[in-house]
Amino acid sequence: MRNLKKQEGARPWYRETWTWFLISLPATAVIAGFITYWLAATTNDGLVVDDYYKQGLAVNQVIARDRLAARLGLRAQISLRDGQITVNLAAASGSLPEIIVVTLIHPTRAGEDQKLQLAGHNGAYGGALAPMAPGRWQVAIEDESRSWRMNGAADLPTETTIRIESVNSDS
């Protein structure tokens, strides 16, 4: 049997820098994969709706609701202050409903959306409002039967008053 001698100057593999560098590349990919899996499993993006096909078919109905609001000459002023929402609604023709539905929509976080039913008379409506994160918010106002709709937007917290005027888009 030959006597194997250690070569002079040779170090064990675990003391070589390049060995650890080469091991770190796939190890980093494995760790990143676990982090990605954890993020996908624990968070909800909220961007995809289950009934996208039905919503696509309903586009013409939505346009008709916007046009009805324009024919009625609806105008709204919304105030978002101190945990309260007030809506002043006016119509050029027709009567105003006793209950309106106001939907505050965050563009990327569906969990922060708020849908409020506000009661009022003579076009003045009000109610409590949950805290809202800073950023751009979409606002939709509809009557309770959903026959008309108005849309607007606001950058919170800088814009606390939103004015929406329905415009006829029959072009």
N, C-alpha and C. Protein backbone atom coordinates (compact mmCIF):
# COMPACT_ATOMS: atom_id res chain seq x y z
N MET A 1 0.83 -1.17 0.00
CA MET A 1 0.00 0.00 0.00
C MET A 1 0.88 1.24 0.00
N ARG A 2 0.44 2.18 -0.82
CA ARG A 2 1.23 3.41 -0.93
C ARG A 2 0.92 4.35 0.22
N ASN A 3 1.85 5.02 0.59
CA ASN A 3 1.66 6.00 1.64
C ASN A 3 1.31 7.33 0.98
N LEU A 4 0.06 7.77 1.23
CA LEU A 4 -0.37 9.03 0.62
C LEU A 4 0.04 10.17 1.53
N LYS A 5 0.72 11.10 0.95
CA LYS A 5 1.14 12.26 1.72
C LYS A 5 0.35 13.47 1.27
N LYS A 6 0.14 14.32 2.19
CA LYS A 6 -0.53 15.56 1.88
C LYS A 6 0.43 16.46 1.12
N GLN A 7 -0.10 17.08 0.06
CA GLN A 7 0.75 17.99 -0.68
C GLN A 7 1.02 19.22 0.16
N GLU A 8 2.20 19.71 0.01
CA GLU A 8 2.54 20.90 0.78
C GLU A 8 1.78 22.10 0.24
N GLY A 9 1.25 22.93 1.12
CA GLY A 9 0.52 24.14 0.75
C GLY A 9 -0.96 23.89 0.45
N ALA A 10 -1.39 22.67 0.37
CA ALA A 10 -2.80 22.37 0.10
C ALA A 10 -3.60 22.51 1.38
N ARG A 11 -4.74 23.16 1.24
CA ARG A 11 -5.61 23.33 2.40
C ARG A 11 -6.84 22.47 2.24
N PRO A 12 -7.53 22.17 3.33
CA PRO A 12 -8.78 21.41 3.23
C PRO A 12 -9.80 22.21 2.40
N TRP A 13 -10.76 21.52 1.78
CA TRP A 13 -11.72 22.15 0.88
C TRP A 13 -12.55 23.23 1.56
N TYR A 14 -12.87 23.05 2.83
CA TYR A 14 -13.71 24.00 3.54
C TYR A 14 -12.98 25.29 3.91
N ARG A 15 -11.70 25.34 3.63
CA ARG A 15 -10.96 26.57 3.88
C ARG A 15 -10.67 27.34 2.60
N GLU A 16 -11.21 26.87 1.51
CA GLU A 16 -11.00 27.54 0.22
C GLU A 16 -12.15 28.53 -0.04
N THR A 17 -11.81 29.75 -0.41
CA THR A 17 -12.80 30.80 -0.67
C THR A 17 -13.68 30.46 -1.86
N TRP A 18 -13.10 29.96 -2.91
CA TRP A 18 -13.87 29.67 -4.12
C TRP A 18 -14.91 28.57 -3.89
N THR A 19 -14.60 27.63 -3.02
CA THR A 19 -15.56 26.58 -2.71
C THR A 19 -16.83 27.17 -2.11
N TRP A 20 -16.68 28.07 -1.15
CA TRP A 20 -17.84 28.69 -0.50
C TRP A 20 -18.57 29.63 -1.46
N PHE A 21 -17.83 30.27 -2.33
CA PHE A 21 -18.48 31.12 -3.33
C PHE A 21 -19.36 30.28 -4.25
N LEU A 22 -18.85 29.16 -4.73
CA LEU A 22 -19.62 28.30 -5.62
C LEU A 22 -20.82 27.66 -4.92
N ILE A 23 -20.70 27.36 -3.64
CA ILE A 23 -21.82 26.81 -2.87
C ILE A 23 -22.88 27.89 -2.63
N SER A 24 -22.44 29.15 -2.46
CA SER A 24 -23.38 30.23 -2.12
C SER A 24 -24.34 30.54 -3.26
N LEU A 25 -23.94 30.34 -4.52
CA LEU A 25 -24.83 30.66 -5.65
C LEU A 25 -26.11 29.82 -5.63
N PRO A 26 -26.04 28.50 -5.64
CA PRO A 26 -27.30 27.74 -5.59
C PRO A 26 -28.02 27.88 -4.25
N ALA A 27 -27.27 28.07 -3.17
CA ALA A 27 -27.91 28.24 -1.87
C ALA A 27 -28.75 29.51 -1.84
N THR A 28 -28.25 30.58 -2.45
CA THR A 28 -29.00 31.83 -2.53
C THR A 28 -30.28 31.63 -3.34
N ALA A 29 -30.20 30.88 -4.43
CA ALA A 29 -31.39 30.62 -5.25
C ALA A 29 -32.43 29.82 -4.47
N VAL A 30 -32.00 28.87 -3.69
CA VAL A 30 -32.92 28.07 -2.88
C VAL A 30 -33.60 28.94 -1.83
N ILE A 31 -32.83 29.79 -1.15
CA ILE A 31 -33.40 30.69 -0.13
C ILE A 31 -34.38 31.66 -0.78
N ALA A 32 -34.03 32.24 -1.93
CA ALA A 32 -34.93 33.16 -2.63
C ALA A 32 -36.21 32.43 -3.05
N GLY A 33 -36.11 31.16 -3.45
CA GLY A 33 -37.29 30.38 -3.81
C GLY A 33 -38.23 30.20 -2.63
N PHE A 34 -37.67 29.90 -1.46
CA PHE A 34 -38.50 29.76 -0.27
C PHE A 34 -39.17 31.08 0.11
N ILE A 35 -38.45 32.18 0.00
CA ILE A 35 -39.03 33.49 0.30
C ILE A 35 -40.16 33.81 -0.68
N THR A 36 -39.95 33.53 -1.96
CA THR A 36 -40.98 33.77 -2.96
C THR A 36 -42.21 32.91 -2.69
N TYR A 37 -42.01 31.65 -2.35
CA TYR A 37 -43.13 30.78 -2.02
C TYR A 37 -43.88 31.31 -0.81
N TRP A 38 -43.16 31.73 0.22
CA TRP A 38 -43.80 32.26 1.42
C TRP A 38 -44.62 33.50 1.09
N LEU A 39 -44.08 34.42 0.29
CA LEU A 39 -44.83 35.62 -0.08
C LEU A 39 -46.09 35.27 -0.88
N ALA A 40 -45.98 34.34 -1.81
CA ALA A 40 -47.12 33.95 -2.62
C ALA A 40 -48.20 33.27 -1.77
N ALA A 41 -47.79 32.50 -0.78
CA ALA A 41 -48.75 31.77 0.03
C ALA A 41 -49.42 32.63 1.08
N THR A 42 -48.76 33.66 1.57
CA THR A 42 -49.30 34.44 2.69
C THR A 42 -49.93 35.77 2.29
N THR A 43 -49.76 36.22 1.06
CA THR A 43 -50.34 37.49 0.66
C THR A 43 -51.36 37.29 -0.44
N ASN A 44 -52.28 38.24 -0.54
CA ASN A 44 -53.30 38.21 -1.58
C ASN A 44 -53.14 39.47 -2.41
N ASP A 45 -52.88 39.32 -3.70
CA ASP A 45 -52.67 40.50 -4.53
C ASP A 45 -53.97 41.25 -4.79
N GLY A 46 -55.11 40.55 -4.81
CA GLY A 46 -56.39 41.22 -4.96
C GLY A 46 -56.61 41.88 -6.30
N LEU A 47 -55.79 41.59 -7.29
CA LEU A 47 -55.91 42.28 -8.57
C LEU A 47 -56.78 41.53 -9.57
N VAL A 48 -56.93 40.25 -9.41
CA VAL A 48 -57.68 39.46 -10.37
C VAL A 48 -59.05 39.13 -9.77
N VAL A 49 -60.11 39.39 -10.52
CA VAL A 49 -61.44 39.08 -10.06
C VAL A 49 -61.86 37.72 -10.59
N ASP A 50 -62.71 37.06 -9.84
CA ASP A 50 -63.14 35.72 -10.24
C ASP A 50 -64.06 35.73 -11.45
N ASP A 51 -64.87 36.76 -11.56
CA ASP A 51 -65.87 36.79 -12.63
C ASP A 51 -65.50 37.81 -13.71
N TYR A 52 -64.28 37.76 -14.18
CA TYR A 52 -63.81 38.73 -15.17
C TYR A 52 -64.63 38.67 -16.45
N TYR A 53 -65.11 37.50 -16.82
CA TYR A 53 -65.89 37.38 -18.05
C TYR A 53 -67.22 38.11 -17.91
N LYS A 54 -67.89 37.93 -16.78
CA LYS A 54 -69.17 38.61 -16.54
C LYS A 54 -68.95 40.12 -16.48
N GLN A 55 -67.87 40.54 -15.87
CA GLN A 55 -67.60 41.98 -15.81
C GLN A 55 -67.35 42.55 -17.19
N GLY A 56 -66.69 41.78 -18.05
CA GLY A 56 -66.47 42.24 -19.42
C GLY A 56 -67.77 42.37 -20.19
N LEU A 57 -68.70 41.47 -19.95
CA LEU A 57 -70.00 41.55 -20.62
C LEU A 57 -70.84 42.72 -20.11
N ALA A 58 -70.58 43.15 -18.88
CA ALA A 58 -71.38 44.21 -18.28
C ALA A 58 -70.89 45.61 -18.61
N VAL A 59 -69.90 45.75 -19.46
CA VAL A 59 -69.34 47.06 -19.77
C VAL A 59 -70.40 48.00 -20.36
N ASN A 60 -71.22 47.49 -21.25
CA ASN A 60 -72.26 48.35 -21.85
C ASN A 60 -73.26 48.83 -20.83
N GLN A 61 -73.59 48.00 -19.83
CA GLN A 61 -74.49 48.43 -18.77
C GLN A 61 -73.87 49.54 -17.95
N VAL A 62 -72.57 49.45 -17.70
CA VAL A 62 -71.88 50.48 -16.93
C VAL A 62 -71.89 51.81 -17.68
N ILE A 63 -71.65 51.76 -18.97
CA ILE A 63 -71.67 52.98 -19.79
C ILE A 63 -73.06 53.61 -19.76
N ALA A 64 -74.10 52.78 -19.81
CA ALA A 64 -75.46 53.30 -19.76
C ALA A 64 -75.73 53.99 -18.43
N ARG A 65 -75.17 53.48 -17.34
CA ARG A 65 -75.36 54.11 -16.03
C ARG A 65 -74.68 55.48 -15.99
N ASP A 66 -73.48 55.58 -16.58
CA ASP A 66 -72.80 56.88 -16.64
C ASP A 66 -73.61 57.88 -17.46
N ARG A 67 -74.18 57.42 -18.56
CA ARG A 67 -74.97 58.31 -19.42
C ARG A 67 -76.24 58.78 -18.73
N LEU A 68 -76.87 57.92 -17.94
CA LEU A 68 -78.06 58.33 -17.20
C LEU A 68 -77.71 59.41 -16.19
N ALA A 69 -76.59 59.28 -15.52
CA ALA A 69 -76.16 60.31 -14.57
C ALA A 69 -75.95 61.63 -15.29
N ALA A 70 -75.41 61.57 -16.51
CA ALA A 70 -75.21 62.80 -17.30
C ALA A 70 -76.55 63.40 -17.71
N ARG A 71 -77.50 62.56 -18.13
CA ARG A 71 -78.82 63.07 -18.52
C ARG A 71 -79.54 63.72 -17.34
N LEU A 72 -79.34 63.19 -16.14
CA LEU A 72 -79.95 63.78 -14.95
C LEU A 72 -79.21 65.04 -14.49
N GLY A 73 -78.03 65.29 -15.05
CA GLY A 73 -77.24 66.47 -14.67
C GLY A 73 -76.73 66.39 -13.25
N LEU A 74 -76.28 65.23 -12.84
CA LEU A 74 -75.82 65.04 -11.46
C LEU A 74 -74.46 65.68 -11.22
N ARG A 75 -74.34 66.31 -10.05
CA ARG A 75 -73.09 66.90 -9.57
C ARG A 75 -72.94 66.52 -8.10
N ALA A 76 -71.72 66.23 -7.70
CA ALA A 76 -71.49 65.84 -6.31
C ALA A 76 -70.25 66.52 -5.77
N GLN A 77 -70.31 66.84 -4.49
CA GLN A 77 -69.14 67.34 -3.77
C GLN A 77 -68.98 66.45 -2.55
N ILE A 78 -67.81 65.81 -2.46
CA ILE A 78 -67.54 64.86 -1.39
C ILE A 78 -66.46 65.43 -0.49
N SER A 79 -66.68 65.36 0.81
CA SER A 79 -65.70 65.83 1.78
C SER A 79 -65.29 64.67 2.67
N LEU A 80 -63.98 64.43 2.77
CA LEU A 80 -63.43 63.36 3.59
C LEU A 80 -62.57 64.00 4.68
N ARG A 81 -63.14 64.14 5.88
CA ARG A 81 -62.41 64.80 6.96
C ARG A 81 -62.73 64.16 8.30
N ASP A 82 -61.70 64.00 9.11
CA ASP A 82 -61.83 63.57 10.50
C ASP A 82 -62.70 62.33 10.67
N GLY A 83 -62.49 61.32 9.83
CA GLY A 83 -63.25 60.08 9.96
C GLY A 83 -64.70 60.19 9.54
N GLN A 84 -65.04 61.24 8.82
CA GLN A 84 -66.41 61.45 8.36
C GLN A 84 -66.41 61.69 6.86
N ILE A 85 -67.48 61.26 6.21
CA ILE A 85 -67.69 61.55 4.80
C ILE A 85 -69.02 62.28 4.67
N THR A 86 -69.00 63.37 3.92
CA THR A 86 -70.23 64.08 3.60
C THR A 86 -70.31 64.22 2.08
N VAL A 87 -71.49 63.99 1.55
CA VAL A 87 -71.73 64.09 0.12
C VAL A 87 -72.87 65.04 -0.10
N ASN A 88 -72.65 66.07 -0.91
CA ASN A 88 -73.70 66.98 -1.34
C ASN A 88 -73.96 66.69 -2.81
N LEU A 89 -75.17 66.21 -3.09
CA LEU A 89 -75.55 65.78 -4.43
C LEU A 89 -76.62 66.70 -4.96
N ALA A 90 -76.48 67.09 -6.23
CA ALA A 90 -77.47 67.96 -6.88
C ALA A 90 -77.78 67.38 -8.25
N ALA A 91 -79.03 67.58 -8.68
CA ALA A 91 -79.46 67.08 -9.98
C ALA A 91 -80.17 68.19 -10.73
N ALA A 92 -79.91 68.30 -12.04
CA ALA A 92 -80.59 69.29 -12.87
C ALA A 92 -82.04 68.87 -13.11
N SER A 93 -82.27 67.57 -13.19
CA SER A 93 -83.64 67.08 -13.37
C SER A 93 -83.80 65.78 -12.60
N GLY A 94 -85.01 65.50 -12.19
CA GLY A 94 -85.27 64.28 -11.44
C GLY A 94 -85.07 64.48 -9.95
N SER A 95 -85.51 63.50 -9.19
CA SER A 95 -85.38 63.60 -7.73
C SER A 95 -84.15 62.82 -7.27
N LEU A 96 -83.69 63.18 -6.11
CA LEU A 96 -82.51 62.53 -5.54
C LEU A 96 -82.94 61.37 -4.64
N PRO A 97 -82.17 60.30 -4.62
CA PRO A 97 -82.54 59.15 -3.79
C PRO A 97 -82.33 59.43 -2.31
N GLU A 98 -82.99 58.62 -1.48
CA GLU A 98 -82.81 58.74 -0.03
C GLU A 98 -81.52 58.07 0.42
N ILE A 99 -81.09 57.05 -0.32
CA ILE A 99 -79.87 56.31 0.03
C ILE A 99 -78.97 56.26 -1.20
N ILE A 100 -77.68 56.57 -0.98
CA ILE A 100 -76.69 56.42 -2.05
C ILE A 100 -75.61 55.46 -1.56
N VAL A 101 -74.92 54.86 -2.51
CA VAL A 101 -73.82 53.97 -2.20
C VAL A 101 -72.53 54.63 -2.69
N VAL A 102 -71.61 54.85 -1.77
CA VAL A 102 -70.31 55.44 -2.10
C VAL A 102 -69.26 54.35 -1.92
N THR A 103 -68.49 54.12 -2.97
CA THR A 103 -67.42 53.13 -2.92
C THR A 103 -66.09 53.84 -3.07
N LEU A 104 -65.21 53.65 -2.11
CA LEU A 104 -63.86 54.21 -2.13
C LEU A 104 -62.92 53.07 -2.46
N ILE A 105 -62.22 53.17 -3.58
CA ILE A 105 -61.45 52.06 -4.12
C ILE A 105 -59.97 52.39 -4.13
N HIS A 106 -59.19 51.57 -3.44
CA HIS A 106 -57.74 51.70 -3.51
C HIS A 106 -57.28 50.97 -4.77
N PRO A 107 -56.41 51.57 -5.58
CA PRO A 107 -56.07 50.97 -6.88
C PRO A 107 -55.32 49.64 -6.80
N THR A 108 -54.62 49.36 -5.71
CA THR A 108 -53.85 48.13 -5.65
C THR A 108 -54.17 47.24 -4.47
N ARG A 109 -54.85 47.74 -3.46
CA ARG A 109 -55.13 46.95 -2.26
C ARG A 109 -56.64 46.83 -2.05
N ALA A 110 -57.21 45.75 -2.56
CA ALA A 110 -58.66 45.56 -2.47
C ALA A 110 -59.12 45.46 -1.02
N GLY A 111 -58.28 45.02 -0.12
CA GLY A 111 -58.64 44.91 1.28
C GLY A 111 -58.90 46.24 1.95
N GLU A 112 -58.46 47.33 1.36
CA GLU A 112 -58.67 48.65 1.94
C GLU A 112 -59.89 49.36 1.35
N ASP A 113 -60.55 48.76 0.37
CA ASP A 113 -61.73 49.38 -0.24
C ASP A 113 -62.83 49.54 0.81
N GLN A 114 -63.65 50.57 0.63
CA GLN A 114 -64.77 50.81 1.53
C GLN A 114 -66.03 51.03 0.71
N LYS A 115 -67.11 50.37 1.11
CA LYS A 115 -68.40 50.54 0.46
C LYS A 115 -69.37 51.03 1.52
N LEU A 116 -69.87 52.24 1.33
CA LEU A 116 -70.70 52.88 2.34
C LEU A 116 -72.09 53.16 1.79
N GLN A 117 -73.11 52.86 2.57
CA GLN A 117 -74.48 53.25 2.24
C GLN A 117 -74.79 54.47 3.09
N LEU A 118 -75.04 55.57 2.43
CA LEU A 118 -75.29 56.82 3.14
C LEU A 118 -76.74 57.25 2.94
N ALA A 119 -77.39 57.56 4.05
CA ALA A 119 -78.77 58.04 4.00
C ALA A 119 -78.76 59.55 4.14
N GLY A 120 -79.74 60.19 3.52
CA GLY A 120 -79.84 61.64 3.62
C GLY A 120 -81.11 62.13 2.97
N HIS A 121 -81.24 63.45 2.97
CA HIS A 121 -82.39 64.07 2.31
C HIS A 121 -81.96 65.41 1.73
N ASN A 122 -82.66 65.85 0.72
CA ASN A 122 -82.35 67.10 0.02
C ASN A 122 -80.91 67.13 -0.50
N GLY A 123 -80.38 65.97 -0.83
CA GLY A 123 -79.06 65.91 -1.44
C GLY A 123 -77.89 65.93 -0.48
N ALA A 124 -78.15 65.92 0.84
CA ALA A 124 -77.07 65.93 1.83
C ALA A 124 -76.99 64.56 2.49
N TYR A 125 -75.83 63.92 2.38
CA TYR A 125 -75.62 62.58 2.91
C TYR A 125 -74.37 62.60 3.77
N GLY A 126 -74.31 61.72 4.76
CA GLY A 126 -73.12 61.67 5.60
C GLY A 126 -73.01 60.36 6.34
N GLY A 127 -71.81 60.10 6.85
CA GLY A 127 -71.58 58.89 7.62
C GLY A 127 -70.15 58.79 8.09
N ALA A 128 -69.87 57.71 8.81
CA ALA A 128 -68.53 57.47 9.35
C ALA A 128 -67.65 56.84 8.28
N LEU A 129 -66.37 57.09 8.40
CA LEU A 129 -65.40 56.63 7.42
C LEU A 129 -64.22 56.01 8.15
N ALA A 130 -63.81 54.82 7.73
CA ALA A 130 -62.62 54.17 8.31
C ALA A 130 -61.37 54.91 7.83
N PRO A 131 -60.28 54.84 8.58
CA PRO A 131 -59.05 55.51 8.15
C PRO A 131 -58.61 55.03 6.76
N MET A 132 -58.08 55.97 5.98
CA MET A 132 -57.66 55.66 4.62
C MET A 132 -56.17 55.94 4.46
N ALA A 133 -55.50 55.05 3.76
CA ALA A 133 -54.07 55.20 3.52
C ALA A 133 -53.82 56.33 2.53
N PRO A 134 -52.70 57.00 2.63
CA PRO A 134 -52.37 58.03 1.64
C PRO A 134 -52.22 57.40 0.25
N GLY A 135 -52.54 58.18 -0.76
CA GLY A 135 -52.40 57.70 -2.13
C GLY A 135 -53.59 58.09 -2.98
N ARG A 136 -53.60 57.61 -4.19
CA ARG A 136 -54.68 57.91 -5.14
C ARG A 136 -55.83 56.93 -4.91
N TRP A 137 -57.03 57.45 -4.72
CA TRP A 137 -58.23 56.65 -4.49
C TRP A 137 -59.25 56.96 -5.58
N GLN A 138 -59.97 55.93 -6.02
CA GLN A 138 -61.08 56.09 -6.95
C GLN A 138 -62.37 56.16 -6.13
N VAL A 139 -63.30 57.00 -6.56
CA VAL A 139 -64.56 57.18 -5.85
C VAL A 139 -65.70 56.93 -6.82
N ALA A 140 -66.66 56.12 -6.40
CA ALA A 140 -67.86 55.86 -7.21
C ALA A 140 -69.08 56.14 -6.37
N ILE A 141 -70.03 56.88 -6.94
CA ILE A 141 -71.30 57.17 -6.27
C ILE A 141 -72.41 56.59 -7.14
N GLU A 142 -73.33 55.85 -6.50
CA GLU A 142 -74.45 55.25 -7.23
C GLU A 142 -75.70 55.36 -6.37
N ASP A 143 -76.85 55.27 -7.03
CA ASP A 143 -78.07 55.17 -6.25
C ASP A 143 -78.21 53.73 -5.79
N GLU A 144 -79.12 53.49 -4.87
CA GLU A 144 -79.25 52.16 -4.28
C GLU A 144 -79.67 51.11 -5.31
N SER A 145 -80.45 51.50 -6.30
CA SER A 145 -80.89 50.55 -7.33
C SER A 145 -79.87 50.38 -8.45
N ARG A 146 -78.77 51.11 -8.37
CA ARG A 146 -77.68 51.06 -9.35
C ARG A 146 -78.14 51.41 -10.76
N SER A 147 -79.00 52.39 -10.87
CA SER A 147 -79.43 52.82 -12.21
C SER A 147 -78.50 53.89 -12.78
N TRP A 148 -77.83 54.68 -11.94
CA TRP A 148 -76.84 55.65 -12.41
C TRP A 148 -75.58 55.55 -11.56
N ARG A 149 -74.51 56.12 -12.11
CA ARG A 149 -73.21 56.06 -11.42
C ARG A 149 -72.38 57.27 -11.81
N MET A 150 -71.58 57.75 -10.85
CA MET A 150 -70.63 58.84 -11.09
C MET A 150 -69.27 58.38 -10.56
N ASN A 151 -68.21 58.79 -11.25
CA ASN A 151 -66.85 58.39 -10.86
C ASN A 151 -65.97 59.62 -10.68
N GLY A 152 -65.03 59.50 -9.74
CA GLY A 152 -64.05 60.54 -9.52
C GLY A 152 -62.80 59.94 -8.89
N ALA A 153 -61.86 60.80 -8.56
CA ALA A 153 -60.61 60.35 -7.95
C ALA A 153 -60.07 61.44 -7.05
N ALA A 154 -59.23 61.02 -6.09
CA ALA A 154 -58.61 61.98 -5.18
C ALA A 154 -57.26 61.44 -4.72
N ASP A 155 -56.33 62.36 -4.49
CA ASP A 155 -55.04 62.04 -3.90
C ASP A 155 -55.12 62.40 -2.42
N LEU A 156 -55.16 61.38 -1.59
CA LEU A 156 -55.23 61.62 -0.15
C LEU A 156 -53.82 61.63 0.43
N PRO A 157 -53.55 62.42 1.39
CA PRO A 157 -54.41 63.29 2.17
C PRO A 157 -54.48 64.73 1.66
N THR A 158 -53.85 65.04 0.54
CA THR A 158 -53.83 66.44 0.08
C THR A 158 -55.19 66.90 -0.43
N GLU A 159 -55.94 66.04 -1.09
CA GLU A 159 -57.27 66.40 -1.58
C GLU A 159 -58.32 65.79 -0.66
N THR A 160 -58.96 66.62 0.15
CA THR A 160 -60.01 66.11 1.03
C THR A 160 -61.40 66.47 0.51
N THR A 161 -61.46 67.27 -0.53
CA THR A 161 -62.73 67.60 -1.17
C THR A 161 -62.66 67.17 -2.62
N ILE A 162 -63.67 66.40 -3.03
CA ILE A 162 -63.72 65.87 -4.39
C ILE A 162 -64.98 66.39 -5.06
N ARG A 163 -64.82 66.94 -6.25
CA ARG A 163 -65.97 67.41 -7.04
C ARG A 163 -66.11 66.49 -8.25
N ILE A 164 -67.34 65.99 -8.44
CA ILE A 164 -67.62 65.13 -9.58
C ILE A 164 -68.80 65.71 -10.32
N GLU A 165 -68.62 65.90 -11.60
CA GLU A 165 -69.72 66.38 -12.44
C GLU A 165 -69.88 65.40 -13.58
N SER A 166 -71.06 64.82 -13.69
CA SER A 166 -71.30 63.86 -14.77
C SER A 166 -71.39 64.61 -16.08
N VAL A 167 -70.67 64.09 -17.07
CA VAL A 167 -70.60 64.73 -18.38
C VAL A 167 -71.15 63.76 -19.42
N ASN A 168 -71.95 64.27 -20.31
CA ASN A 168 -72.53 63.44 -21.35
C ASN A 168 -71.44 63.10 -22.37
N SER A 169 -71.24 61.81 -22.60
CA SER A 169 -70.17 61.36 -23.52
C SER A 169 -70.77 60.66 -24.73
N ASP A 170 -71.83 61.16 -25.29
CA ASP A 170 -72.47 60.58 -26.48
C ASP A 170 -71.79 61.10 -27.73
N SER A 171 -70.56 60.66 -27.94
CA SER A 171 -69.88 61.14 -29.14
C SER A 171 -69.38 59.99 -29.96
